[in-house]
Structure formats: structure tokens, C-alpha cells
Amino acid sequence: MFQEERKEFRFEWAHLGDIQNGRPNLGAQTSVAVYRLLEFTLRDAAIKHCGVESANRIFRGAGRNSGTAVYEHLIGSATDWNDLLFKMQQRFKDLGVGILRVESVDEAKQHLVLSIYEDLDCSGLPAVGEAVCTFDEGLLAGLLEAYVGVAFTVREVDCWCTGERVCRFEATPAA
């Protein structure tokens, strides 16, 4: 399941296991510190072994894979952009990812500006002069791609770590 070499993603929702049965006392929740410990130590290892650009590709790819899985298993379908974005807002809040806000949508160009307040990845970190939410870029791209059926490019344009108090993302169909 996790030891085979592969060239494509093979994640399946079932890989998450039966959390309710496996954690009857602790449940499905954990702390932000534990999530960040996992994320940042994985990022550190990826940068050490692969370099910054490869690490960013890895995290965007993992986010994209996660976004597709979230769409398929937690959103299911959407009747239109409003329905999709409303469901995304609900899921982000329910899962503790953050408070998703829609700043603008150009349906004809499929261009969106989305912001995440209290972002799981970085809210409360020191301002270090760089955007750090590459996993979120992929997560949003995967969600949008699953709905639209075409690849999206999502880039963070504002981040808590650049001194903002919100993470803002621009999404457009990939060239």
C-alpha cells in the first residue's frame, strides 16, 4: 500500500482507515501543533533531499491529491459555482482548515480570488517574508479541478508569513 514505487498518485480515501473504530477515545481531532509538526518536518526533509522547488511541487501535488479526494468524498458534486464555493466554505470550517472567503469570481474566465482566515498552515507564525502555503495552493487547485474538469493553477499572493493576516490565493485555469 505505501511501500511500492510509483509514478502517479495512488491515494484512496480508504487509506484513512476507520478512525472512529481505531480512535474511540481520542476521536478524529488533533492539535494544530501536531499537524504543523508533521507538515514542517516533512517539508524540511523534502527540501534537504530534493531542494526548495521540488519540495514545493511535492506539497502542491499532495494538496491537489487531497483536494480531489475532499471533493469526491466530502463535497460529492456541485450544481454551480455558488454551490461549490458554499460547500468548500463549510468543509474548510468543519475540518478546521480555516475560514474560507470568496473575494471574487469571474465565471467566464474561471478566475477566482479566495482567502483563508485562521489558516491551518500558517496563522500565528512569524512574518518571515515568504508565502508558505503551497499545500493549500494544491488543495484549492484539486477542489476546483474536480468541479470544472480542467487543471488549475493556484498561487498564494498574500500570506500570514509575509505579514498579512490572511492567506489570499488567485486561481486560474492552467495554461
Protein backbone atom coordinates (compact mmCIF):
# COMPACT_ATOMS: atom_id res chain seq x y z
CA MET A 1 0.00 0.00 0.00
CA PHE A 2 2.69 2.55 0.92
CA GLN A 3 5.93 0.78 0.06
CA GLU A 4 5.59 0.37 -3.70
CA GLU A 5 7.41 2.66 -6.08
CA ARG A 6 5.03 4.63 -8.30
CA LYS A 7 4.88 7.35 -10.92
CA GLU A 8 1.34 8.51 -10.18
CA PHE A 9 -0.75 9.21 -7.09
CA ARG A 10 -2.43 6.13 -5.65
CA PHE A 11 -4.10 7.60 -2.60
CA GLU A 12 -7.52 6.19 -1.80
CA TRP A 13 -9.95 7.51 0.80
CA ALA A 14 -9.92 4.06 2.44
CA HIS A 15 -6.23 4.63 3.32
CA LEU A 16 -7.50 6.94 6.08
CA GLY A 17 -8.83 3.85 7.84
CA ASP A 18 -11.71 3.54 10.29
CA ILE A 19 -10.85 6.46 12.52
CA GLN A 20 -13.91 6.08 14.75
CA ASN A 21 -13.08 2.44 15.46
CA GLY A 22 -9.34 2.99 15.73
CA ARG A 23 -9.57 6.07 17.99
CA PRO A 24 -12.69 5.50 20.12
CA ASN A 25 -11.39 7.72 22.92
CA LEU A 26 -9.34 10.35 21.09
CA GLY A 27 -11.57 10.75 18.03
CA ALA A 28 -10.76 12.37 14.71
CA GLN A 29 -9.33 15.65 16.01
CA THR A 30 -5.74 16.58 16.81
CA SER A 31 -3.92 19.80 17.60
CA VAL A 32 -2.67 22.40 15.14
CA ALA A 33 0.80 21.93 16.65
CA VAL A 34 0.81 18.23 15.71
CA TYR A 35 -0.40 18.98 12.16
CA ARG A 36 2.30 21.64 11.73
CA LEU A 37 4.94 19.38 13.23
CA LEU A 38 4.13 16.78 10.58
CA GLU A 39 3.90 19.32 7.75
CA PHE A 40 7.03 21.30 8.58
CA THR A 41 9.26 18.32 9.32
CA LEU A 42 8.14 16.71 6.04
CA ARG A 43 8.86 19.98 4.24
CA ASP A 44 12.26 20.21 5.92
CA ALA A 45 13.13 16.65 4.81
CA ALA A 46 11.86 17.30 1.27
CA ILE A 47 13.94 20.48 0.98
CA LYS A 48 17.04 18.69 2.32
CA HIS A 49 16.66 15.77 -0.10
CA CYS A 50 15.12 17.48 -3.15
CA GLY A 51 15.57 21.26 -2.90
CA VAL A 52 13.00 24.03 -2.44
CA GLU A 53 11.35 23.88 -5.88
CA SER A 54 10.92 20.11 -5.74
CA ALA A 55 9.58 20.34 -2.19
CA ASN A 56 7.04 22.92 -3.36
CA ARG A 57 5.98 20.63 -6.23
CA ILE A 58 5.62 17.75 -3.78
CA PHE A 59 3.46 19.78 -1.39
CA ARG A 60 1.32 21.23 -4.19
CA GLY A 61 0.88 17.72 -5.61
CA ALA A 62 -0.13 16.33 -2.23
CA GLY A 63 -2.54 19.23 -1.78
CA ARG A 64 -4.00 18.68 -5.25
CA ASN A 65 -4.47 14.99 -4.50
CA SER A 66 -6.14 15.91 -1.19
CA GLY A 67 -8.40 18.46 -2.88
CA THR A 68 -9.60 15.88 -5.38
CA ALA A 69 -10.30 13.40 -2.56
CA VAL A 70 -12.13 16.02 -0.49
CA TYR A 71 -14.29 16.92 -3.49
CA GLU A 72 -15.10 13.28 -4.25
CA HIS A 73 -15.76 12.18 -0.66
CA LEU A 74 -16.86 15.26 1.27
CA ILE A 75 -18.45 17.52 -1.33
CA GLY A 76 -19.71 14.99 -3.86
CA SER A 77 -20.97 17.35 -6.50
CA ALA A 78 -21.94 20.95 -7.02
CA THR A 79 -24.72 22.42 -9.13
CA ASP A 80 -22.89 25.69 -9.88
CA TRP A 81 -20.04 27.92 -8.65
CA ASN A 82 -22.09 29.27 -5.73
CA ASP A 83 -22.92 25.75 -4.56
CA LEU A 84 -19.30 24.63 -4.88
CA LEU A 85 -17.90 27.61 -3.01
CA PHE A 86 -20.52 27.34 -0.26
CA LYS A 87 -19.70 23.64 0.22
CA MET A 88 -15.98 24.41 0.24
CA GLN A 89 -16.53 27.06 2.92
CA GLN A 90 -18.49 24.60 5.05
CA ARG A 91 -15.91 21.82 4.69
CA PHE A 92 -12.95 24.10 5.43
CA LYS A 93 -14.68 25.22 8.63
CA ASP A 94 -15.84 21.71 9.60
CA LEU A 95 -12.35 20.26 9.05
CA GLY A 96 -10.59 23.16 10.80
CA VAL A 97 -8.62 24.11 7.67
CA GLY A 98 -9.63 27.74 8.06
CA ILE A 99 -12.35 30.23 7.29
CA LEU A 100 -12.65 30.35 3.50
CA ARG A 101 -13.91 33.59 1.96
CA VAL A 102 -14.66 34.27 -1.68
CA GLU A 103 -13.29 37.66 -2.71
CA SER A 104 -14.12 37.49 -6.41
CA VAL A 105 -15.24 35.08 -9.10
CA ASP A 106 -15.14 35.68 -12.84
CA GLU A 107 -17.12 32.69 -14.09
CA ALA A 108 -16.40 33.41 -17.75
CA LYS A 109 -12.62 33.39 -17.22
CA GLN A 110 -12.82 30.92 -14.32
CA HIS A 111 -10.65 33.30 -12.30
CA LEU A 112 -11.13 33.31 -8.53
CA VAL A 113 -9.60 35.12 -5.60
CA LEU A 114 -10.08 33.19 -2.37
CA SER A 115 -8.85 33.96 1.12
CA ILE A 116 -8.38 31.74 4.15
CA TYR A 117 -8.53 33.29 7.60
CA GLU A 118 -7.07 31.37 10.55
CA ASP A 119 -5.30 29.14 8.04
CA LEU A 120 -4.21 25.80 9.49
CA ASP A 121 -0.83 26.00 7.75
CA CYS A 122 0.43 29.35 8.96
CA SER A 123 -1.82 31.62 11.03
CA GLY A 124 0.14 32.75 14.06
CA LEU A 125 3.58 32.08 12.59
CA PRO A 126 6.11 34.92 12.49
CA ALA A 127 6.35 37.11 9.41
CA VAL A 128 9.35 35.69 7.53
CA GLY A 129 8.88 37.46 4.20
CA GLU A 130 7.72 34.44 2.21
CA ALA A 131 4.45 32.71 1.44
CA VAL A 132 4.43 29.17 2.83
CA CYS A 133 1.03 27.67 1.97
CA THR A 134 1.97 25.51 -1.02
CA PHE A 135 -0.15 22.62 0.29
CA ASP A 136 -3.16 24.97 0.32
CA GLU A 137 -2.39 26.01 -3.26
CA GLY A 138 -2.66 22.39 -4.30
CA LEU A 139 -5.72 21.73 -2.13
CA LEU A 140 -7.63 24.58 -3.75
CA ALA A 141 -6.45 23.56 -7.22
CA GLY A 142 -7.61 19.97 -6.66
CA LEU A 143 -11.05 21.10 -5.48
CA LEU A 144 -11.50 23.44 -8.45
CA GLU A 145 -10.19 20.89 -10.95
CA ALA A 146 -12.55 18.22 -9.64
CA TYR A 147 -15.50 20.56 -10.19
CA VAL A 148 -14.51 22.16 -13.51
CA GLY A 149 -12.72 19.21 -15.10
CA VAL A 150 -9.64 21.20 -16.16
CA ALA A 151 -6.33 21.81 -14.41
CA PHE A 152 -5.99 24.95 -12.30
CA THR A 153 -3.02 26.97 -11.19
CA VAL A 154 -3.43 28.42 -7.71
CA ARG A 155 -0.83 30.72 -6.21
CA GLU A 156 -0.73 32.39 -2.83
CA VAL A 157 -0.42 36.15 -3.23
CA ASP A 158 -0.69 37.13 0.47
CA CYS A 159 0.26 35.04 3.49
CA TRP A 160 0.38 35.41 7.25
CA CYS A 161 4.11 34.77 6.88
CA THR A 162 4.50 37.78 4.56
CA GLY A 163 2.98 39.98 7.25
CA GLU A 164 -0.67 39.76 6.18
CA ARG A 165 -3.36 38.46 8.50
CA VAL A 166 -4.98 36.37 5.79
CA CYS A 167 -3.82 33.93 3.16
CA ARG A 168 -5.07 35.03 -0.28
CA PHE A 169 -4.98 32.85 -3.37
CA GLU A 170 -5.52 33.54 -7.07
CA ALA A 171 -6.86 30.65 -9.12
CA THR A 172 -6.92 30.40 -12.91
CA PRO A 173 -7.17 27.56 -15.41
CA ALA A 174 -3.67 26.23 -16.16
CA ALA A 175 -2.18 27.32 -19.47
